[in-house]
Amino acid sequence: MNTNSKASKIIYWVATGWLSLGMLSTGIVQLIQMEEEVKNFDNLGYPHYLMSIIGVWKILGVIAILMPGLGRLKEWAYAGFFFTMSGAAVSHVLVKDPAISLFGPFLLLILTMLSWYFRPDNRKL
């Protein structure tokens, strides 16, 4: 598919915009350790300090994806988003959380893949 077509650019920017908002907001929630997120991490069996690490990396990943250039860094950011969201989904499945808990991770995972696939040539390595 031609990722430089007008339709591809629209898909890219819509997916990237929503992905960025999702990662930025969840990164902030993790950095400030909102009560609901602390309970979520407790339920999954993860230490609280991991929220700060993941929160910082999400925010840095959003910056890398939105800035022009930085092709290799963008690839790492997309990979990090993919691993984080797929890991979150698997974690929820393993602790037998309700299916609704998979909505957020799967939505961000799909947005990550759409943004990566439809990125314009000037945002690729």
PDB file of N, CA and C in Angstrom:
ATOM      1  N   MET A   1       0.839  -1.185   0.000  1.00  0.00           N
ATOM      2  CA  MET A   1       0.000   0.000   0.000  1.00  0.00           C
ATOM      3  C   MET A   1       0.877   1.239   0.000  1.00  0.00           C
ATOM      4  N   ASN A   2       0.451   2.248  -0.742  1.00  0.00           N
ATOM      5  CA  ASN A   2       1.174   3.504  -0.804  1.00  0.00           C
ATOM      6  C   ASN A   2       0.941   4.295   0.479  1.00  0.00           C
ATOM      7  N   THR A   3       1.959   4.366   1.321  1.00  0.00           N
ATOM      8  CA  THR A   3       1.796   5.064   2.590  1.00  0.00           C
ATOM      9  C   THR A   3       1.987   6.570   2.442  1.00  0.00           C
ATOM     10  N   ASN A   4       2.101   7.049   1.198  1.00  0.00           N
ATOM     11  CA  ASN A   4       2.192   8.486   0.970  1.00  0.00           C
ATOM     12  C   ASN A   4       0.900   9.041   0.371  1.00  0.00           C
ATOM     13  N   SER A   5      -0.124   8.217   0.196  1.00  0.00           N
ATOM     14  CA  SER A   5      -1.398   8.699  -0.319  1.00  0.00           C
ATOM     15  C   SER A   5      -2.086   9.553   0.734  1.00  0.00           C
ATOM     16  N   LYS A   6      -3.049  10.347   0.291  1.00  0.00           N
ATOM     17  CA  LYS A   6      -3.778  11.215   1.220  1.00  0.00           C
ATOM     18  C   LYS A   6      -4.515  10.398   2.282  1.00  0.00           C
ATOM     19  N   ALA A   7      -5.150   9.300   1.874  1.00  0.00           N
ATOM     20  CA  ALA A   7      -5.875   8.451   2.828  1.00  0.00           C
ATOM     21  C   ALA A   7      -4.920   7.865   3.862  1.00  0.00           C
ATOM     22  N   SER A   8      -3.757   7.429   3.425  1.00  0.00           N
ATOM     23  CA  SER A   8      -2.765   6.864   4.349  1.00  0.00           C
ATOM     24  C   SER A   8      -2.281   7.909   5.346  1.00  0.00           C
ATOM     25  N   LYS A   9      -2.090   9.128   4.880  1.00  0.00           N
ATOM     26  CA  LYS A   9      -1.649  10.199   5.783  1.00  0.00           C
ATOM     27  C   LYS A   9      -2.718  10.516   6.820  1.00  0.00           C
ATOM     28  N   ILE A  10      -3.968  10.497   6.395  1.00  0.00           N
ATOM     29  CA  ILE A  10      -5.061  10.746   7.342  1.00  0.00           C
ATOM     30  C   ILE A  10      -5.120   9.633   8.384  1.00  0.00           C
ATOM     31  N   ILE A  11      -5.035   8.383   7.927  1.00  0.00           N
ATOM     32  CA  ILE A  11      -5.050   7.242   8.865  1.00  0.00           C
ATOM     33  C   ILE A  11      -3.879   7.361   9.834  1.00  0.00           C
ATOM     34  N   TYR A  12      -2.706   7.694   9.302  1.00  0.00           N
ATOM     35  CA  TYR A  12      -1.519   7.836  10.145  1.00  0.00           C
ATOM     36  C   TYR A  12      -1.732   8.883  11.232  1.00  0.00           C
ATOM     37  N   TRP A  13      -2.179  10.082  10.836  1.00  0.00           N
ATOM     38  CA  TRP A  13      -2.290  11.161  11.809  1.00  0.00           C
ATOM     39  C   TRP A  13      -3.409  10.936  12.813  1.00  0.00           C
ATOM     40  N   VAL A  14      -4.517  10.328  12.382  1.00  0.00           N
ATOM     41  CA  VAL A  14      -5.591  10.021  13.332  1.00  0.00           C
ATOM     42  C   VAL A  14      -5.108   8.966  14.328  1.00  0.00           C
ATOM     43  N   ALA A  15      -4.515   7.879  13.812  1.00  0.00           N
ATOM     44  CA  ALA A  15      -4.016   6.814  14.694  1.00  0.00           C
ATOM     45  C   ALA A  15      -2.921   7.339  15.611  1.00  0.00           C
ATOM     46  N   THR A  16      -2.007   8.128  15.069  1.00  0.00           N
ATOM     47  CA  THR A  16      -0.888   8.649  15.848  1.00  0.00           C
ATOM     48  C   THR A  16      -1.371   9.644  16.895  1.00  0.00           C
ATOM     49  N   GLY A  17      -2.350  10.461  16.537  1.00  0.00           N
ATOM     50  CA  GLY A  17      -2.906  11.410  17.500  1.00  0.00           C
ATOM     51  C   GLY A  17      -3.553  10.707  18.678  1.00  0.00           C
ATOM     52  N   TRP A  18      -4.399   9.716  18.383  1.00  0.00           N
ATOM     53  CA  TRP A  18      -5.059   8.967  19.469  1.00  0.00           C
ATOM     54  C   TRP A  18      -4.062   8.142  20.267  1.00  0.00           C
ATOM     55  N   LEU A  19      -3.099   7.540  19.585  1.00  0.00           N
ATOM     56  CA  LEU A  19      -2.051   6.786  20.274  1.00  0.00           C
ATOM     57  C   LEU A  19      -1.277   7.707  21.218  1.00  0.00           C
ATOM     58  N   SER A  20      -0.909   8.870  20.731  1.00  0.00           N
ATOM     59  CA  SER A  20      -0.149   9.816  21.549  1.00  0.00           C
ATOM     60  C   SER A  20      -0.949  10.266  22.762  1.00  0.00           C
ATOM     61  N   LEU A  21      -2.222  10.580  22.558  1.00  0.00           N
ATOM     62  CA  LEU A  21      -3.071  10.969  23.685  1.00  0.00           C
ATOM     63  C   LEU A  21      -3.202   9.838  24.702  1.00  0.00           C
ATOM     64  N   GLY A  22      -3.387   8.614  24.200  1.00  0.00           N
ATOM     65  CA  GLY A  22      -3.528   7.460  25.086  1.00  0.00           C
ATOM     66  C   GLY A  22      -2.265   7.179  25.868  1.00  0.00           C
ATOM     67  N   MET A  23      -1.131   7.201  25.199  1.00  0.00           N
ATOM     68  CA  MET A  23       0.135   6.920  25.883  1.00  0.00           C
ATOM     69  C   MET A  23       0.522   8.050  26.831  1.00  0.00           C
ATOM     70  N   LEU A  24       0.278   9.284  26.410  1.00  0.00           N
ATOM     71  CA  LEU A  24       0.597  10.419  27.275  1.00  0.00           C
ATOM     72  C   LEU A  24      -0.271  10.398  28.530  1.00  0.00           C
ATOM     73  N   SER A  25      -1.570  10.185  28.355  1.00  0.00           N
ATOM     74  CA  SER A  25      -2.467  10.200  29.524  1.00  0.00           C
ATOM     75  C   SER A  25      -2.176   9.036  30.469  1.00  0.00           C
ATOM     76  N   THR A  26      -1.957   7.844  29.928  1.00  0.00           N
ATOM     77  CA  THR A  26      -1.654   6.715  30.819  1.00  0.00           C
ATOM     78  C   THR A  26      -0.269   6.865  31.441  1.00  0.00           C
ATOM     79  N   GLY A  27       0.654   7.475  30.713  1.00  0.00           N
ATOM     80  CA  GLY A  27       1.976   7.739  31.281  1.00  0.00           C
ATOM     81  C   GLY A  27       1.888   8.691  32.462  1.00  0.00           C
ATOM     82  N   ILE A  28       1.075   9.724  32.328  1.00  0.00           N
ATOM     83  CA  ILE A  28       0.891  10.680  33.432  1.00  0.00           C
ATOM     84  C   ILE A  28       0.212  10.001  34.617  1.00  0.00           C
ATOM     85  N   VAL A  29      -0.825   9.199  34.324  1.00  0.00           N
ATOM     86  CA  VAL A  29      -1.534   8.469  35.386  1.00  0.00           C
ATOM     87  C   VAL A  29      -0.557   7.581  36.153  1.00  0.00           C
ATOM     88  N   GLN A  30       0.365   6.956  35.432  1.00  0.00           N
ATOM     89  CA  GLN A  30       1.345   6.100  36.090  1.00  0.00           C
ATOM     90  C   GLN A  30       2.378   6.918  36.858  1.00  0.00           C
ATOM     91  N   LEU A  31       2.803   8.042  36.314  1.00  0.00           N
ATOM     92  CA  LEU A  31       3.782   8.882  37.015  1.00  0.00           C
ATOM     93  C   LEU A  31       3.239   9.448  38.317  1.00  0.00           C
ATOM     94  N   ILE A  32       1.980   9.869  38.311  1.00  0.00           N
ATOM     95  CA  ILE A  32       1.409  10.437  39.537  1.00  0.00           C
ATOM     96  C   ILE A  32       0.821   9.350  40.441  1.00  0.00           C
ATOM     97  N   GLN A  33       0.888   8.119  39.969  1.00  0.00           N
ATOM     98  CA  GLN A  33       0.428   6.941  40.705  1.00  0.00           C
ATOM     99  C   GLN A  33      -0.989   7.131  41.250  1.00  0.00           C
ATOM    100  N   MET A  34      -1.906   7.389  40.301  1.00  0.00           N
ATOM    101  CA  MET A  34      -3.318   7.499  40.671  1.00  0.00           C
ATOM    102  C   MET A  34      -3.776   6.231  41.370  1.00  0.00           C
ATOM    103  N   GLU A  35      -4.687   6.397  42.303  1.00  0.00           N
ATOM    104  CA  GLU A  35      -5.144   5.288  43.145  1.00  0.00           C
ATOM    105  C   GLU A  35      -5.615   4.088  42.313  1.00  0.00           C
ATOM    106  N   GLU A  36      -6.379   4.347  41.267  1.00  0.00           N
ATOM    107  CA  GLU A  36      -6.886   3.254  40.430  1.00  0.00           C
ATOM    108  C   GLU A  36      -5.752   2.492  39.742  1.00  0.00           C
ATOM    109  N   GLU A  37      -4.731   3.227  39.309  1.00  0.00           N
ATOM    110  CA  GLU A  37      -3.590   2.586  38.648  1.00  0.00           C
ATOM    111  C   GLU A  37      -2.757   1.794  39.654  1.00  0.00           C
ATOM    112  N   VAL A  38      -2.634   2.292  40.869  1.00  0.00           N
ATOM    113  CA  VAL A  38      -1.926   1.557  41.929  1.00  0.00           C
ATOM    114  C   VAL A  38      -2.649   0.236  42.190  1.00  0.00           C
ATOM    115  N   LYS A  39      -3.972   0.278  42.276  1.00  0.00           N
ATOM    116  CA  LYS A  39      -4.758  -0.945  42.479  1.00  0.00           C
ATOM    117  C   LYS A  39      -4.568  -1.906  41.307  1.00  0.00           C
ATOM    118  N   ASN A  40      -4.519  -1.360  40.096  1.00  0.00           N
ATOM    119  CA  ASN A  40      -4.308  -2.182  38.902  1.00  0.00           C
ATOM    120  C   ASN A  40      -2.959  -2.895  38.975  1.00  0.00           C
ATOM    121  N   PHE A  41      -1.912  -2.167  39.339  1.00  0.00           N
ATOM    122  CA  PHE A  41      -0.580  -2.766  39.432  1.00  0.00           C
ATOM    123  C   PHE A  41      -0.532  -3.808  40.558  1.00  0.00           C
ATOM    124  N   ASP A  42      -1.212  -3.511  41.671  1.00  0.00           N
ATOM    125  CA  ASP A  42      -1.281  -4.488  42.771  1.00  0.00           C
ATOM    126  C   ASP A  42      -1.963  -5.766  42.287  1.00  0.00           C
ATOM    127  N   ASN A  43      -3.065  -5.623  41.565  1.00  0.00           N
ATOM    128  CA  ASN A  43      -3.811  -6.763  41.035  1.00  0.00           C
ATOM    129  C   ASN A  43      -2.944  -7.608  40.094  1.00  0.00           C
ATOM    130  N   LEU A  44      -2.128  -6.937  39.300  1.00  0.00           N
ATOM    131  CA  LEU A  44      -1.268  -7.646  38.347  1.00  0.00           C
ATOM    132  C   LEU A  44      -0.007  -8.202  39.000  1.00  0.00           C
ATOM    133  N   GLY A  45       0.263  -7.769  40.239  1.00  0.00           N
ATOM    134  CA  GLY A  45       1.440  -8.269  40.952  1.00  0.00           C
ATOM    135  C   GLY A  45       2.725  -7.539  40.613  1.00  0.00           C
ATOM    136  N   TYR A  46       2.612  -6.327  40.064  1.00  0.00           N
ATOM    137  CA  TYR A  46       3.789  -5.561  39.693  1.00  0.00           C
ATOM    138  C   TYR A  46       4.147  -4.555  40.783  1.00  0.00           C
ATOM    139  N   PRO A  47       5.443  -4.279  40.981  1.00  0.00           N
ATOM    140  CA  PRO A  47       5.850  -3.291  41.983  1.00  0.00           C
ATOM    141  C   PRO A  47       5.475  -1.872  41.542  1.00  0.00           C
ATOM    142  N   HIS A  48       5.223  -1.019  42.502  1.00  0.00           N
ATOM    143  CA  HIS A  48       4.786   0.351  42.204  1.00  0.00           C
ATOM    144  C   HIS A  48       5.843   1.155  41.458  1.00  0.00           C
ATOM    145  N   TYR A  49       7.117   0.910  41.723  1.00  0.00           N
ATOM    146  CA  TYR A  49       8.155   1.686  41.046  1.00  0.00           C
ATOM    147  C   TYR A  49       8.126   1.497  39.535  1.00  0.00           C
ATOM    148  N   LEU A  50       7.563   0.382  39.074  1.00  0.00           N
ATOM    149  CA  LEU A  50       7.465   0.136  37.640  1.00  0.00           C
ATOM    150  C   LEU A  50       6.559   1.166  36.953  1.00  0.00           C
ATOM    151  N   MET A  51       5.592   1.715  37.687  1.00  0.00           N
ATOM    152  CA  MET A  51       4.726   2.749  37.115  1.00  0.00           C
ATOM    153  C   MET A  51       5.535   3.963  36.682  1.00  0.00           C
ATOM    154  N   SER A  52       6.484   4.369  37.504  1.00  0.00           N
ATOM    155  CA  SER A  52       7.311   5.537  37.156  1.00  0.00           C
ATOM    156  C   SER A  52       8.164   5.260  35.929  1.00  0.00           C
ATOM    157  N   ILE A  53       8.739   4.085  35.867  1.00  0.00           N
ATOM    158  CA  ILE A  53       9.590   3.721  34.724  1.00  0.00           C
ATOM    159  C   ILE A  53       8.763   3.700  33.444  1.00  0.00           C
ATOM    160  N   ILE A  54       7.646   2.998  33.472  1.00  0.00           N
ATOM    161  CA  ILE A  54       6.796   2.892  32.279  1.00  0.00           C
ATOM    162  C   ILE A  54       6.221   4.254  31.902  1.00  0.00           C
ATOM    163  N   GLY A  55       5.815   5.034  32.916  1.00  0.00           N
ATOM    164  CA  GLY A  55       5.254   6.359  32.645  1.00  0.00           C
ATOM    165  C   GLY A  55       6.237   7.266  31.919  1.00  0.00           C
ATOM    166  N   VAL A  56       7.476   7.298  32.378  1.00  0.00           N
ATOM    167  CA  VAL A  56       8.507   8.121  31.733  1.00  0.00           C
ATOM    168  C   VAL A  56       8.754   7.639  30.311  1.00  0.00           C
ATOM    169  N   TRP A  57       8.880   6.327  30.122  1.00  0.00           N
ATOM    170  CA  TRP A  57       9.152   5.799  28.784  1.00  0.00           C
ATOM    171  C   TRP A  57       8.003   6.056  27.822  1.00  0.00           C
ATOM    172  N   LYS A  58       6.758   5.998  28.308  1.00  0.00           N
ATOM    173  CA  LYS A  58       5.619   6.307  27.441  1.00  0.00           C
ATOM    174  C   LYS A  58       5.675   7.749  26.961  1.00  0.00           C
ATOM    175  N   ILE A  59       5.959   8.665  27.873  1.00  0.00           N
ATOM    176  CA  ILE A  59       6.012  10.082  27.500  1.00  0.00           C
ATOM    177  C   ILE A  59       7.166  10.344  26.537  1.00  0.00           C
ATOM    178  N   LEU A  60       8.324   9.760  26.797  1.00  0.00           N
ATOM    179  CA  LEU A  60       9.458   9.908  25.878  1.00  0.00           C
ATOM    180  C   LEU A  60       9.160   9.272  24.522  1.00  0.00           C
ATOM    181  N   GLY A  61       8.434   8.152  24.514  1.00  0.00           N
ATOM    182  CA  GLY A  61       8.046   7.503  23.263  1.00  0.00           C
ATOM    183  C   GLY A  61       7.121   8.377  22.435  1.00  0.00           C
ATOM    184  N   VAL A  62       6.190   9.047  23.085  1.00  0.00           N
ATOM    185  CA  VAL A  62       5.286   9.965  22.376  1.00  0.00           C
ATOM    186  C   VAL A  62       6.090  11.091  21.740  1.00  0.00           C
ATOM    187  N   ILE A  63       7.027  11.650  22.478  1.00  0.00           N
ATOM    188  CA  ILE A  63       7.873  12.723  21.934  1.00  0.00           C
ATOM    189  C   ILE A  63       8.639  12.224  20.720  1.00  0.00           C
ATOM    190  N   ALA A  64       9.218  11.030  20.815  1.00  0.00           N
ATOM    191  CA  ALA A  64      10.005  10.463  19.703  1.00  0.00           C
ATOM    192  C   ALA A  64       9.133  10.251  18.469  1.00  0.00           C
ATOM    193  N   ILE A  65       7.917   9.764  18.664  1.00  0.00           N
ATOM    194  CA  ILE A  65       7.047   9.490  17.525  1.00  0.00           C
ATOM    195  C   ILE A  65       6.562  10.772  16.855  1.00  0.00           C
ATOM    196  N   LEU A  66       6.324  11.807  17.636  1.00  0.00           N
ATOM    197  CA  LEU A  66       5.790  13.045  17.072  1.00  0.00           C
ATOM    198  C   LEU A  66       6.858  13.952  16.453  1.00  0.00           C
ATOM    199  N   MET A  67       8.089  13.861  16.923  1.00  0.00           N
ATOM    200  CA  MET A  67       9.145  14.728  16.387  1.00  0.00           C
ATOM    201  C   MET A  67       9.539  14.292  14.981  1.00  0.00           C
ATOM    202  N   PRO A  68       9.877  15.246  14.128  1.00  0.00           N
ATOM    203  CA  PRO A  68      10.367  14.864  12.790  1.00  0.00           C
ATOM    204  C   PRO A  68      11.756  14.222  12.909  1.00  0.00           C
ATOM    205  N   GLY A  69      12.065  13.401  11.920  1.00  0.00           N
ATOM    206  CA  GLY A  69      13.360  12.718  11.922  1.00  0.00           C
ATOM    207  C   GLY A  69      13.387  11.608  12.954  1.00  0.00           C
ATOM    208  N   LEU A  70      14.549  11.335  13.482  1.00  0.00           N
ATOM    209  CA  LEU A  70      14.734  10.343  14.559  1.00  0.00           C
ATOM    210  C   LEU A  70      14.202   8.954  14.180  1.00  0.00           C
ATOM    211  N   GLY A  71      14.432   8.528  12.942  1.00  0.00           N
ATOM    212  CA  GLY A  71      13.883   7.266  12.442  1.00  0.00           C
ATOM    213  C   GLY A  71      14.136   6.066  13.334  1.00  0.00           C
ATOM    214  N   ARG A  72      15.377   5.872  13.734  1.00  0.00           N
ATOM    215  CA  ARG A  72      15.703   4.706  14.559  1.00  0.00           C
ATOM    216  C   ARG A  72      15.028   4.811  15.933  1.00  0.00           C
ATOM    217  N   LEU A  73      15.007   5.987  16.513  1.00  0.00           N
ATOM    218  CA  LEU A  73      14.368   6.187  17.805  1.00  0.00           C
ATOM    219  C   LEU A  73      12.863   5.925  17.709  1.00  0.00           C
ATOM    220  N   LYS A  74      12.248   6.323  16.595  1.00  0.00           N
ATOM    221  CA  LYS A  74      10.824   6.044  16.380  1.00  0.00           C
ATOM    222  C   LYS A  74      10.570   4.533  16.369  1.00  0.00           C
ATOM    223  N   GLU A  75      11.431   3.789  15.700  1.00  0.00           N
ATOM    224  CA  GLU A  75      11.271   2.330  15.650  1.00  0.00           C
ATOM    225  C   GLU A  75      11.311   1.739  17.059  1.00  0.00           C
ATOM    226  N   TRP A  76      12.239   2.231  17.880  1.00  0.00           N
ATOM    227  CA  TRP A  76      12.338   1.758  19.269  1.00  0.00           C
ATOM    228  C   TRP A  76      11.093   2.143  20.062  1.00  0.00           C
ATOM    229  N   ALA A  77      10.584   3.354  19.828  1.00  0.00           N
ATOM    230  CA  ALA A  77       9.377   3.797  20.537  1.00  0.00           C
ATOM    231  C   ALA A  77       8.187   2.921  20.160  1.00  0.00           C
ATOM    232  N   TYR A  78       8.012   2.667  18.869  1.00  0.00           N
ATOM    233  CA  TYR A  78       6.916   1.793  18.439  1.00  0.00           C
ATOM    234  C   TYR A  78       7.068   0.392  19.044  1.00  0.00           C
ATOM    235  N   ALA A  79       8.294  -0.123  19.040  1.00  0.00           N
ATOM    236  CA  ALA A  79       8.529  -1.452  19.622  1.00  0.00           C
ATOM    237  C   ALA A  79       8.205  -1.440  21.111  1.00  0.00           C
ATOM    238  N   GLY A  80       8.620  -0.396  21.802  1.00  0.00           N
ATOM    239  CA  GLY A  80       8.322  -0.284  23.223  1.00  0.00           C
ATOM    240  C   GLY A  80       6.827  -0.228  23.489  1.00  0.00           C
ATOM    241  N   PHE A  81       6.101   0.539  22.686  1.00  0.00           N
ATOM    242  CA  PHE A  81       4.645   0.602  22.834  1.00  0.00           C
ATOM    243  C   PHE A  81       4.022  -0.766  22.584  1.00  0.00           C
ATOM    244  N   PHE A  82       4.510  -1.455  21.550  1.00  0.00           N
ATOM    245  CA  PHE A  82       3.979  -2.779  21.224  1.00  0.00           C
ATOM    246  C   PHE A  82       4.207  -3.754  22.379  1.00  0.00           C
ATOM    247  N   PHE A  83       5.426  -3.793  22.896  1.00  0.00           N
ATOM    248  CA  PHE A  83       5.736  -4.728  23.983  1.00  0.00           C
ATOM    249  C   PHE A  83       4.983  -4.367  25.264  1.00  0.00           C
ATOM    250  N   THR A  84       4.879  -3.082  25.561  1.00  0.00           N
ATOM    251  CA  THR A  84       4.177  -2.653  26.774  1.00  0.00           C
ATOM    252  C   THR A  84       2.702  -3.021  26.708  1.00  0.00           C
ATOM    253  N   MET A  85       2.057  -2.743  25.591  1.00  0.00           N
ATOM    254  CA  MET A  85       0.616  -2.993  25.483  1.00  0.00           C
ATOM    255  C   MET A  85       0.295  -4.483  25.337  1.00  0.00           C
ATOM    256  N   SER A  86       1.129  -5.214  24.609  1.00  0.00           N
ATOM    257  CA  SER A  86       0.883  -6.657  24.515  1.00  0.00           C
ATOM    258  C   SER A  86       1.163  -7.312  25.868  1.00  0.00           C
ATOM    259  N   GLY A  87       2.178  -6.824  26.583  1.00  0.00           N
ATOM    260  CA  GLY A  87       2.464  -7.334  27.924  1.00  0.00           C
ATOM    261  C   GLY A  87       1.338  -7.036  28.899  1.00  0.00           C
ATOM    262  N   ALA A  88       0.743  -5.851  28.777  1.00  0.00           N
ATOM    263  CA  ALA A  88      -0.391  -5.502  29.640  1.00  0.00           C
ATOM    264  C   ALA A  88      -1.573  -6.426  29.364  1.00  0.00           C
ATOM    265  N   ALA A  89      -1.847  -6.671  28.085  1.00  0.00           N
ATOM    266  CA  ALA A  89      -2.971  -7.552  27.728  1.00  0.00           C
ATOM    267  C   ALA A  89      -2.741  -8.962  28.268  1.00  0.00           C
ATOM    268  N   VAL A  90      -1.555  -9.497  28.057  1.00  0.00           N
ATOM    269  CA  VAL A  90      -1.242 -10.845  28.546  1.00  0.00           C
ATOM    270  C   VAL A  90      -1.330 -10.887  30.071  1.00  0.00           C
ATOM    271  N   SER A  91      -0.840  -9.853  30.731  1.00  0.00           N
ATOM    272  CA  SER A  91      -0.894  -9.805  32.199  1.00  0.00           C
ATOM    273  C   SER A  91      -2.338  -9.876  32.693  1.00  0.00           C
ATOM    274  N   HIS A  92      -3.227  -9.116  32.058  1.00  0.00           N
ATOM    275  CA  HIS A  92      -4.644  -9.140  32.453  1.00  0.00           C
ATOM    276  C   HIS A  92      -5.262 -10.518  32.229  1.00  0.00           C
ATOM    277  N   VAL A  93      -4.893 -11.170  31.148  1.00  0.00           N
ATOM    278  CA  VAL A  93      -5.410 -12.521  30.863  1.00  0.00           C
ATOM    279  C   VAL A  93      -4.902 -13.497  31.929  1.00  0.00           C
ATOM    280  N   LEU A  94      -3.624 -13.425  32.266  1.00  0.00           N
ATOM    281  CA  LEU A  94      -3.030 -14.373  33.208  1.00  0.00           C
ATOM    282  C   LEU A  94      -3.601 -14.253  34.616  1.00  0.00           C
ATOM    283  N   VAL A  95      -4.021 -13.052  35.013  1.00  0.00           N
ATOM    284  CA  VAL A  95      -4.621 -12.913  36.350  1.00  0.00           C
ATOM    285  C   VAL A  95      -6.143 -13.058  36.290  1.00  0.00           C
ATOM    286  N   LYS A  96      -6.626 -13.432  35.102  1.00  0.00           N
ATOM    287  CA  LYS A  96      -8.060 -13.696  34.894  1.00  0.00           C
ATOM    288  C   LYS A  96      -8.932 -12.472  35.165  1.00  0.00           C
ATOM    289  N   ASP A  97      -8.444 -11.303  34.742  1.00  0.00           N
ATOM    290  CA  ASP A  97      -9.254 -10.094  34.825  1.00  0.00           C
ATOM    291  C   ASP A  97     -10.412 -10.197  33.836  1.00  0.00           C
ATOM    292  N   PRO A  98     -11.477  -9.432  34.051  1.00  0.00           N
ATOM    293  CA  PRO A  98     -12.591  -9.447  33.096  1.00  0.00           C
ATOM    294  C   PRO A  98     -12.131  -8.979  31.711  1.00  0.00           C
ATOM    295  N   ALA A  99     -12.815  -9.430  30.694  1.00  0.00           N
ATOM    296  CA  ALA A  99     -12.438  -9.123  29.308  1.00  0.00           C
ATOM    297  C   ALA A  99     -12.374  -7.621  29.048  1.00  0.00           C
ATOM    298  N   ILE A 100     -13.183  -6.834  29.725  1.00  0.00           N
ATOM    299  CA  ILE A 100     -13.184  -5.387  29.517  1.00  0.00           C
ATOM    300  C   ILE A 100     -11.826  -4.763  29.832  1.00  0.00           C
ATOM    301  N   SER A 101     -11.046  -5.409  30.696  1.00  0.00           N
ATOM    302  CA  SER A 101      -9.729  -4.870  31.055  1.00  0.00           C
ATOM    303  C   SER A 101      -8.755  -4.941  29.873  1.00  0.00           C
ATOM    304  N   LEU A 102      -9.108  -5.705  28.851  1.00  0.00           N
ATOM    305  CA  LEU A 102      -8.253  -5.818  27.664  1.00  0.00           C
ATOM    306  C   LEU A 102      -8.502  -4.698  26.665  1.00  0.00           C
ATOM    307  N   PHE A 103      -9.603  -3.952  26.844  1.00  0.00           N
ATOM    308  CA  PHE A 103      -9.965  -2.927  25.859  1.00  0.00           C
ATOM    309  C   PHE A 103      -8.862  -1.887  25.678  1.00  0.00           C
ATOM    310  N   GLY A 104      -8.394  -1.289  26.766  1.00  0.00           N
ATOM    311  CA  GLY A 104      -7.355  -0.257  26.680  1.00  0.00           C
ATOM    312  C   GLY A 104      -6.070  -0.747  26.041  1.00  0.00           C
ATOM    313  N   PRO A 105      -5.500  -1.837  26.561  1.00  0.00           N
ATOM    314  CA  PRO A 105      -4.267  -2.331  25.940  1.00  0.00           C
ATOM    315  C   PRO A 105      -4.437  -2.711  24.465  1.00  0.00           C
ATOM    316  N   PHE A 106      -5.555  -3.361  24.128  1.00  0.00           N
ATOM    317  CA  PHE A 106      -5.764  -3.745  22.720  1.00  0.00           C
ATOM    318  C   PHE A 106      -5.970  -2.525  21.829  1.00  0.00           C
ATOM    319  N   LEU A 107      -6.692  -1.526  22.319  1.00  0.00           N
ATOM    320  CA  LEU A 107      -6.894  -0.306  21.531  1.00  0.00           C
ATOM    321  C   LEU A 107      -5.559   0.371  21.268  1.00  0.00           C
ATOM    322  N   LEU A 108      -4.735   0.520  22.298  1.00  0.00           N
ATOM    323  CA  LEU A 108      -3.424   1.151  22.105  1.00  0.00           C
ATOM    324  C   LEU A 108      -2.497   0.288  21.255  1.00  0.00           C
ATOM    325  N   LEU A 109      -2.650  -1.021  21.340  1.00  0.00           N
ATOM    326  CA  LEU A 109      -1.857  -1.919  20.502  1.00  0.00           C
ATOM    327  C   LEU A 109      -2.242  -1.752  19.027  1.00  0.00           C
ATOM    328  N   ILE A 110      -3.525  -1.694  18.754  1.00  0.00           N
ATOM    329  CA  ILE A 110      -4.004  -1.503  17.374  1.00  0.00           C
ATOM    330  C   ILE A 110      -3.566  -0.137  16.846  1.00  0.00           C
ATOM    331  N   LEU A 111      -3.699   0.907  17.670  1.00  0.00           N
ATOM    332  CA  LEU A 111      -3.262   2.240  17.249  1.00  0.00           C
ATOM    333  C   LEU A 111      -1.757   2.275  16.992  1.00  0.00           C
ATOM    334  N   THR A 112      -0.987   1.557  17.795  1.00  0.00           N
ATOM    335  CA  THR A 112       0.463   1.469  17.573  1.00  0.00           C
ATOM    336  C   THR A 112       0.755   0.854  16.215  1.00  0.00           C
ATOM    337  N   MET A 113       0.084  -0.242  15.900  1.00  0.00           N
ATOM    338  CA  MET A 113       0.327  -0.927  14.626  1.00  0.00           C
ATOM    339  C   MET A 113      -0.130  -0.076  13.442  1.00  0.00           C
ATOM    340  N   LEU A 114      -1.277   0.592  13.574  1.00  0.00           N
ATOM    341  CA  LEU A 114      -1.756   1.456  12.491  1.00  0.00           C
ATOM    342  C   LEU A 114      -0.809   2.625  12.259  1.00  0.00           C
ATOM    343  N   SER A 115      -0.388   3.276  13.343  1.00  0.00           N
ATOM    344  CA  SER A 115       0.529   4.403  13.223  1.00  0.00           C
ATOM    345  C   SER A 115       1.847   3.964  12.589  1.00  0.00           C
ATOM    346  N   TRP A 116       2.358   2.838  13.034  1.00  0.00           N
ATOM    347  CA  TRP A 116       3.627   2.339  12.482  1.00  0.00           C
ATOM    348  C   TRP A 116       3.481   1.997  10.995  1.00  0.00           C
ATOM    349  N   TYR A 117       2.424   1.276  10.650  1.00  0.00           N
ATOM    350  CA  TYR A 117       2.242   0.815   9.270  1.00  0.00           C
ATOM    351  C   TYR A 117       2.022   1.977   8.302  1.00  0.00           C
ATOM    352  N   PHE A 118       1.241   2.963   8.698  1.00  0.00           N
ATOM    353  CA  PHE A 118       0.872   4.049   7.796  1.00  0.00           C
ATOM    354  C   PHE A 118       1.787   5.269   7.894  1.00  0.00           C
ATOM    355  N   ARG A 119       2.885   5.169   8.656  1.00  0.00           N
ATOM    356  CA  ARG A 119       3.758   6.325   8.777  1.00  0.00           C
ATOM    357  C   ARG A 119       4.334   6.687   7.407  1.00  0.00           C
ATOM    358  N   PRO A 120       4.422   7.991   7.135  1.00  0.00           N
ATOM    359  CA  PRO A 120       4.966   8.427   5.849  1.00  0.00           C
ATOM    360  C   PRO A 120       6.434   8.052   5.686  1.00  0.00           C
ATOM    361  N   ASP A 121       6.884   8.022   4.453  1.00  0.00           N
ATOM    362  CA  ASP A 121       8.268   7.640   4.172  1.00  0.00           C
ATOM    363  C   ASP A 121       9.273   8.501   4.925  1.00  0.00           C
ATOM    364  N   ASN A 122       8.961   9.782   5.128  1.00  0.00           N
ATOM    365  CA  ASN A 122       9.917  10.655   5.812  1.00  0.00           C
ATOM    366  C   ASN A 122       9.974  10.388   7.308  1.00  0.00           C
ATOM    367  N   ARG A 123       9.180   9.432   7.819  1.00  0.00           N
ATOM    368  CA  ARG A 123       9.208   9.042   9.223  1.00  0.00           C
ATOM    369  C   ARG A 123       9.701   7.602   9.387  1.00  0.00           C
ATOM    370  N   LYS A 124      10.266   7.060   8.330  1.00  0.00           N
ATOM    371  CA  LYS A 124      10.804   5.697   8.363  1.00  0.00           C
ATOM    372  C   LYS A 124      12.315   5.746   8.316  1.00  0.00           C
ATOM    373  N   LEU A 125      12.941   4.617   8.661  1.00  0.00           N
ATOM    374  CA  LEU A 125      14.404   4.510   8.558  1.00  0.00           C
ATOM    375  C   LEU A 125      14.823   4.562   7.109  1.00  0.00           C
TER     376      LEU A 125
END
